[in-house]
Amino acid sequence: MVTRAEILVLGLTAGVAGSLVGGLMLGIGLGLVVNGVHAAWALVLPAAPLGGLIGYLLSRRLARQVES
């Protein structure tokens, strides 16, 4: 059974890690786009989905722990 503490840790970990990865990609990408490197849109556009993917992967790991 999943405890309340595990769900809390999952949410905090997913939020912090997703924000760090997504924010870093967004910041670096926009900085490069402003300076004229238009290929940096490849960093800007997937920033939010990759941040969410981290939370998804962490929740899958927790679900796998519950099953075993």
PDB file of N, CA and C in Angstrom:
ATOM      1  N   MET A   1       0.836  -1.180   0.000  1.00  0.00           N
ATOM      2  CA  MET A   1       0.000   0.000   0.000  1.00  0.00           C
ATOM      3  C   MET A   1       0.883   1.245   0.000  1.00  0.00           C
ATOM      4  N   VAL A   2       0.479   2.194  -0.789  1.00  0.00           N
ATOM      5  CA  VAL A   2       1.225   3.450  -0.880  1.00  0.00           C
ATOM      6  C   VAL A   2       0.840   4.335   0.304  1.00  0.00           C
ATOM      7  N   THR A   3       1.850   4.833   0.998  1.00  0.00           N
ATOM      8  CA  THR A   3       1.566   5.694   2.141  1.00  0.00           C
ATOM      9  C   THR A   3       1.461   7.149   1.679  1.00  0.00           C
ATOM     10  N   ARG A   4       0.929   7.947   2.536  1.00  0.00           N
ATOM     11  CA  ARG A   4       0.787   9.371   2.247  1.00  0.00           C
ATOM     12  C   ARG A   4       2.152  10.037   2.083  1.00  0.00           C
ATOM     13  N   ALA A   5       3.119   9.576   2.854  1.00  0.00           N
ATOM     14  CA  ALA A   5       4.469  10.146   2.769  1.00  0.00           C
ATOM     15  C   ALA A   5       5.097   9.859   1.407  1.00  0.00           C
ATOM     16  N   GLU A   6       4.889   8.657   0.879  1.00  0.00           N
ATOM     17  CA  GLU A   6       5.450   8.329  -0.438  1.00  0.00           C
ATOM     18  C   GLU A   6       4.834   9.189  -1.534  1.00  0.00           C
ATOM     19  N   ILE A   7       3.541   9.442  -1.445  1.00  0.00           N
ATOM     20  CA  ILE A   7       2.884  10.297  -2.434  1.00  0.00           C
ATOM     21  C   ILE A   7       3.395  11.730  -2.315  1.00  0.00           C
ATOM     22  N   LEU A   8       3.598  12.190  -1.102  1.00  0.00           N
ATOM     23  CA  LEU A   8       4.122  13.540  -0.884  1.00  0.00           C
ATOM     24  C   LEU A   8       5.532  13.678  -1.446  1.00  0.00           C
ATOM     25  N   VAL A   9       6.382  12.697  -1.171  1.00  0.00           N
ATOM     26  CA  VAL A   9       7.751  12.725  -1.686  1.00  0.00           C
ATOM     27  C   VAL A   9       7.750  12.649  -3.209  1.00  0.00           C
ATOM     28  N   LEU A  10       6.867  11.832  -3.778  1.00  0.00           N
ATOM     29  CA  LEU A  10       6.767  11.741  -5.230  1.00  0.00           C
ATOM     30  C   LEU A  10       6.397  13.088  -5.836  1.00  0.00           C
ATOM     31  N   GLY A  11       5.410  13.753  -5.267  1.00  0.00           N
ATOM     32  CA  GLY A  11       4.987  15.053  -5.781  1.00  0.00           C
ATOM     33  C   GLY A  11       6.068  16.108  -5.668  1.00  0.00           C
ATOM     34  N   LEU A  12       6.728  16.152  -4.526  1.00  0.00           N
ATOM     35  CA  LEU A  12       7.796  17.135  -4.338  1.00  0.00           C
ATOM     36  C   LEU A  12       8.980  16.865  -5.257  1.00  0.00           C
ATOM     37  N   THR A  13       9.364  15.608  -5.366  1.00  0.00           N
ATOM     38  CA  THR A  13      10.493  15.250  -6.221  1.00  0.00           C
ATOM     39  C   THR A  13      10.184  15.547  -7.679  1.00  0.00           C
ATOM     40  N   ALA A  14       8.992  15.168  -8.130  1.00  0.00           N
ATOM     41  CA  ALA A  14       8.612  15.409  -9.522  1.00  0.00           C
ATOM     42  C   ALA A  14       8.530  16.902  -9.811  1.00  0.00           C
ATOM     43  N   GLY A  15       7.995  17.653  -8.888  1.00  0.00           N
ATOM     44  CA  GLY A  15       7.885  19.096  -9.091  1.00  0.00           C
ATOM     45  C   GLY A  15       9.229  19.787  -9.149  1.00  0.00           C
ATOM     46  N   VAL A  16      10.104  19.439  -8.229  1.00  0.00           N
ATOM     47  CA  VAL A  16      11.423  20.080  -8.193  1.00  0.00           C
ATOM     48  C   VAL A  16      12.260  19.665  -9.398  1.00  0.00           C
ATOM     49  N   ALA A  17      12.328  18.376  -9.671  1.00  0.00           N
ATOM     50  CA  ALA A  17      13.157  17.905 -10.789  1.00  0.00           C
ATOM     51  C   ALA A  17      12.606  18.402 -12.117  1.00  0.00           C
ATOM     52  N   GLY A  18      11.289  18.352 -12.289  1.00  0.00           N
ATOM     53  CA  GLY A  18      10.688  18.824 -13.527  1.00  0.00           C
ATOM     54  C   GLY A  18      10.895  20.307 -13.739  1.00  0.00           C
ATOM     55  N   SER A  19      10.781  21.076 -12.680  1.00  0.00           N
ATOM     56  CA  SER A  19      10.996  22.521 -12.786  1.00  0.00           C
ATOM     57  C   SER A  19      12.448  22.852 -13.103  1.00  0.00           C
ATOM     58  N   LEU A  20      13.364  22.124 -12.502  1.00  0.00           N
ATOM     59  CA  LEU A  20      14.784  22.379 -12.774  1.00  0.00           C
ATOM     60  C   LEU A  20      15.133  22.062 -14.223  1.00  0.00           C
ATOM     61  N   VAL A  21      14.709  20.898 -14.688  1.00  0.00           N
ATOM     62  CA  VAL A  21      15.041  20.501 -16.060  1.00  0.00           C
ATOM     63  C   VAL A  21      14.336  21.403 -17.067  1.00  0.00           C
ATOM     64  N   GLY A  22      13.032  21.587 -16.896  1.00  0.00           N
ATOM     65  CA  GLY A  22      12.279  22.422 -17.830  1.00  0.00           C
ATOM     66  C   GLY A  22      12.733  23.868 -17.807  1.00  0.00           C
ATOM     67  N   GLY A  23      12.972  24.406 -16.637  1.00  0.00           N
ATOM     68  CA  GLY A  23      13.417  25.791 -16.524  1.00  0.00           C
ATOM     69  C   GLY A  23      14.798  26.009 -17.096  1.00  0.00           C
ATOM     70  N   LEU A  24      15.677  25.045 -16.891  1.00  0.00           N
ATOM     71  CA  LEU A  24      17.023  25.156 -17.443  1.00  0.00           C
ATOM     72  C   LEU A  24      16.983  25.122 -18.963  1.00  0.00           C
ATOM     73  N   MET A  25      16.207  24.208 -19.519  1.00  0.00           N
ATOM     74  CA  MET A  25      16.083  24.140 -20.985  1.00  0.00           C
ATOM     75  C   MET A  25      15.456  25.415 -21.542  1.00  0.00           C
ATOM     76  N   LEU A  26      14.428  25.899 -20.860  1.00  0.00           N
ATOM     77  CA  LEU A  26      13.756  27.115 -21.314  1.00  0.00           C
ATOM     78  C   LEU A  26      14.691  28.324 -21.234  1.00  0.00           C
ATOM     79  N   GLY A  27      15.398  28.462 -20.134  1.00  0.00           N
ATOM     80  CA  GLY A  27      16.292  29.603 -19.955  1.00  0.00           C
ATOM     81  C   GLY A  27      17.434  29.625 -20.955  1.00  0.00           C
ATOM     82  N   ILE A  28      18.084  28.484 -21.115  1.00  0.00           N
ATOM     83  CA  ILE A  28      19.197  28.418 -22.069  1.00  0.00           C
ATOM     84  C   ILE A  28      18.684  28.611 -23.489  1.00  0.00           C
ATOM     85  N   GLY A  29      17.573  27.952 -23.814  1.00  0.00           N
ATOM     86  CA  GLY A  29      17.024  28.065 -25.161  1.00  0.00           C
ATOM     87  C   GLY A  29      16.601  29.474 -25.509  1.00  0.00           C
ATOM     88  N   LEU A  30      15.894  30.143 -24.613  1.00  0.00           N
ATOM     89  CA  LEU A  30      15.462  31.509 -24.901  1.00  0.00           C
ATOM     90  C   LEU A  30      16.641  32.477 -24.961  1.00  0.00           C
ATOM     91  N   GLY A  31      17.632  32.227 -24.140  1.00  0.00           N
ATOM     92  CA  GLY A  31      18.834  33.052 -24.208  1.00  0.00           C
ATOM     93  C   GLY A  31      19.525  32.940 -25.554  1.00  0.00           C
ATOM     94  N   LEU A  32      19.563  31.749 -26.076  1.00  0.00           N
ATOM     95  CA  LEU A  32      20.180  31.555 -27.393  1.00  0.00           C
ATOM     96  C   LEU A  32      19.318  32.126 -28.508  1.00  0.00           C
ATOM     97  N   VAL A  33      17.989  31.980 -28.395  1.00  0.00           N
ATOM     98  CA  VAL A  33      17.096  32.517 -29.426  1.00  0.00           C
ATOM     99  C   VAL A  33      17.204  34.035 -29.484  1.00  0.00           C
ATOM    100  N   VAL A  34      17.283  34.681 -28.341  1.00  0.00           N
ATOM    101  CA  VAL A  34      17.409  36.141 -28.302  1.00  0.00           C
ATOM    102  C   VAL A  34      18.704  36.589 -28.986  1.00  0.00           C
ATOM    103  N   ASN A  35      19.734  35.757 -28.882  1.00  0.00           N
ATOM    104  CA  ASN A  35      21.019  36.086 -29.511  1.00  0.00           C
ATOM    105  C   ASN A  35      21.098  35.646 -30.966  1.00  0.00           C
ATOM    106  N   GLY A  36      20.007  35.177 -31.521  1.00  0.00           N
ATOM    107  CA  GLY A  36      19.973  34.884 -32.949  1.00  0.00           C
ATOM    108  C   GLY A  36      20.221  33.443 -33.336  1.00  0.00           C
ATOM    109  N   VAL A  37      20.327  32.548 -32.383  1.00  0.00           N
ATOM    110  CA  VAL A  37      20.532  31.132 -32.701  1.00  0.00           C
ATOM    111  C   VAL A  37      19.156  30.469 -32.749  1.00  0.00           C
ATOM    112  N   HIS A  38      18.577  30.429 -33.937  1.00  0.00           N
ATOM    113  CA  HIS A  38      17.204  29.952 -34.053  1.00  0.00           C
ATOM    114  C   HIS A  38      17.081  28.439 -33.893  1.00  0.00           C
ATOM    115  N   ALA A  39      18.172  27.721 -33.979  1.00  0.00           N
ATOM    116  CA  ALA A  39      18.144  26.280 -33.732  1.00  0.00           C
ATOM    117  C   ALA A  39      17.865  25.980 -32.258  1.00  0.00           C
ATOM    118  N   ALA A  40      17.964  26.987 -31.403  1.00  0.00           N
ATOM    119  CA  ALA A  40      17.718  26.795 -29.976  1.00  0.00           C
ATOM    120  C   ALA A  40      16.241  26.562 -29.677  1.00  0.00           C
ATOM    121  N   TRP A  41      15.366  26.791 -30.656  1.00  0.00           N
ATOM    122  CA  TRP A  41      13.953  26.458 -30.449  1.00  0.00           C
ATOM    123  C   TRP A  41      13.797  24.973 -30.168  1.00  0.00           C
ATOM    124  N   ALA A  42      14.779  24.171 -30.588  1.00  0.00           N
ATOM    125  CA  ALA A  42      14.762  22.739 -30.290  1.00  0.00           C
ATOM    126  C   ALA A  42      14.914  22.490 -28.788  1.00  0.00           C
ATOM    127  N   LEU A  43      15.446  23.438 -28.048  1.00  0.00           N
ATOM    128  CA  LEU A  43      15.505  23.341 -26.583  1.00  0.00           C
ATOM    129  C   LEU A  43      14.259  23.932 -25.931  1.00  0.00           C
ATOM    130  N   VAL A  44      13.732  24.995 -26.507  1.00  0.00           N
ATOM    131  CA  VAL A  44      12.625  25.710 -25.873  1.00  0.00           C
ATOM    132  C   VAL A  44      11.322  24.919 -25.964  1.00  0.00           C
ATOM    133  N   LEU A  45      11.026  24.402 -27.136  1.00  0.00           N
ATOM    134  CA  LEU A  45       9.722  23.775 -27.345  1.00  0.00           C
ATOM    135  C   LEU A  45       9.483  22.510 -26.512  1.00  0.00           C
ATOM    136  N   PRO A  46      10.452  21.604 -26.355  1.00  0.00           N
ATOM    137  CA  PRO A  46      10.167  20.412 -25.540  1.00  0.00           C
ATOM    138  C   PRO A  46      10.437  20.590 -24.050  1.00  0.00           C
ATOM    139  N   ALA A  47      10.657  21.802 -23.571  1.00  0.00           N
ATOM    140  CA  ALA A  47      11.017  22.005 -22.164  1.00  0.00           C
ATOM    141  C   ALA A  47       9.905  21.555 -21.221  1.00  0.00           C
ATOM    142  N   ALA A  48       8.687  21.977 -21.463  1.00  0.00           N
ATOM    143  CA  ALA A  48       7.580  21.618 -20.569  1.00  0.00           C
ATOM    144  C   ALA A  48       7.224  20.133 -20.639  1.00  0.00           C
ATOM    145  N   PRO A  49       7.119  19.532 -21.826  1.00  0.00           N
ATOM    146  CA  PRO A  49       6.824  18.102 -21.850  1.00  0.00           C
ATOM    147  C   PRO A  49       7.898  17.242 -21.180  1.00  0.00           C
ATOM    148  N   LEU A  50       9.159  17.624 -21.317  1.00  0.00           N
ATOM    149  CA  LEU A  50      10.208  16.844 -20.656  1.00  0.00           C
ATOM    150  C   LEU A  50      10.157  17.010 -19.136  1.00  0.00           C
ATOM    151  N   GLY A  51       9.769  18.187 -18.682  1.00  0.00           N
ATOM    152  CA  GLY A  51       9.590  18.380 -17.244  1.00  0.00           C
ATOM    153  C   GLY A  51       8.477  17.499 -16.705  1.00  0.00           C
ATOM    154  N   GLY A  52       7.394  17.365 -17.451  1.00  0.00           N
ATOM    155  CA  GLY A  52       6.303  16.486 -17.048  1.00  0.00           C
ATOM    156  C   GLY A  52       6.654  15.021 -17.159  1.00  0.00           C
ATOM    157  N   LEU A  53       7.499  14.670 -18.120  1.00  0.00           N
ATOM    158  CA  LEU A  53       7.909  13.278 -18.310  1.00  0.00           C
ATOM    159  C   LEU A  53       8.667  12.767 -17.093  1.00  0.00           C
ATOM    160  N   ILE A  54       9.412  13.634 -16.440  1.00  0.00           N
ATOM    161  CA  ILE A  54      10.143  13.233 -15.238  1.00  0.00           C
ATOM    162  C   ILE A  54       9.159  12.797 -14.150  1.00  0.00           C
ATOM    163  N   GLY A  55       8.101  13.558 -13.956  1.00  0.00           N
ATOM    164  CA  GLY A  55       7.089  13.175 -12.976  1.00  0.00           C
ATOM    165  C   GLY A  55       6.419  11.866 -13.330  1.00  0.00           C
ATOM    166  N   TYR A  56       6.147  11.655 -14.611  1.00  0.00           N
ATOM    167  CA  TYR A  56       5.534  10.408 -15.069  1.00  0.00           C
ATOM    168  C   TYR A  56       6.438   9.216 -14.779  1.00  0.00           C
ATOM    169  N   LEU A  57       7.728   9.358 -15.074  1.00  0.00           N
ATOM    170  CA  LEU A  57       8.664   8.263 -14.832  1.00  0.00           C
ATOM    171  C   LEU A  57       8.801   7.962 -13.336  1.00  0.00           C
ATOM    172  N   LEU A  58       8.800   8.994 -12.521  1.00  0.00           N
ATOM    173  CA  LEU A  58       8.878   8.776 -11.072  1.00  0.00           C
ATOM    174  C   LEU A  58       7.634   8.067 -10.551  1.00  0.00           C
ATOM    175  N   SER A  59       6.473   8.416 -11.080  1.00  0.00           N
ATOM    176  CA  SER A  59       5.246   7.751 -10.627  1.00  0.00           C
ATOM    177  C   SER A  59       5.209   6.298 -11.091  1.00  0.00           C
ATOM    178  N   ARG A  60       5.751   6.003 -12.274  1.00  0.00           N
ATOM    179  CA  ARG A  60       5.826   4.613 -12.731  1.00  0.00           C
ATOM    180  C   ARG A  60       6.743   3.797 -11.824  1.00  0.00           C
ATOM    181  N   ARG A  61       7.833   4.419 -11.365  1.00  0.00           N
ATOM    182  CA  ARG A  61       8.742   3.717 -10.463  1.00  0.00           C
ATOM    183  C   ARG A  61       8.054   3.410  -9.141  1.00  0.00           C
ATOM    184  N   LEU A  62       7.270   4.352  -8.625  1.00  0.00           N
ATOM    185  CA  LEU A  62       6.541   4.120  -7.384  1.00  0.00           C
ATOM    186  C   LEU A  62       5.507   3.021  -7.570  1.00  0.00           C
ATOM    187  N   ALA A  63       4.817   3.005  -8.709  1.00  0.00           N
ATOM    188  CA  ALA A  63       3.829   1.959  -8.970  1.00  0.00           C
ATOM    189  C   ALA A  63       4.496   0.594  -9.060  1.00  0.00           C
ATOM    190  N   ARG A  64       5.686   0.528  -9.620  1.00  0.00           N
ATOM    191  CA  ARG A  64       6.408  -0.742  -9.716  1.00  0.00           C
ATOM    192  C   ARG A  64       6.814  -1.228  -8.327  1.00  0.00           C
ATOM    193  N   GLN A  65       7.168  -0.313  -7.432  1.00  0.00           N
ATOM    194  CA  GLN A  65       7.520  -0.690  -6.061  1.00  0.00           C
ATOM    195  C   GLN A  65       6.309  -1.232  -5.327  1.00  0.00           C
ATOM    196  N   VAL A  66       5.134  -0.687  -5.600  1.00  0.00           N
ATOM    197  CA  VAL A  66       3.920  -1.125  -4.921  1.00  0.00           C
ATOM    198  C   VAL A  66       3.541  -2.538  -5.353  1.00  0.00           C
ATOM    199  N   GLU A  67       3.728  -2.841  -6.657  1.00  0.00           N
ATOM    200  CA  GLU A  67       3.359  -4.150  -7.169  1.00  0.00           C
ATOM    201  C   GLU A  67       4.229  -5.252  -6.601  1.00  0.00           C
ATOM    202  N   SER A  68       5.482  -4.973  -6.321  1.00  0.00           N
ATOM    203  CA  SER A  68       6.380  -6.024  -5.838  1.00  0.00           C
ATOM    204  C   SER A  68       6.433  -6.098  -4.340  1.00  0.00           C
TER     205      SER A  68
END
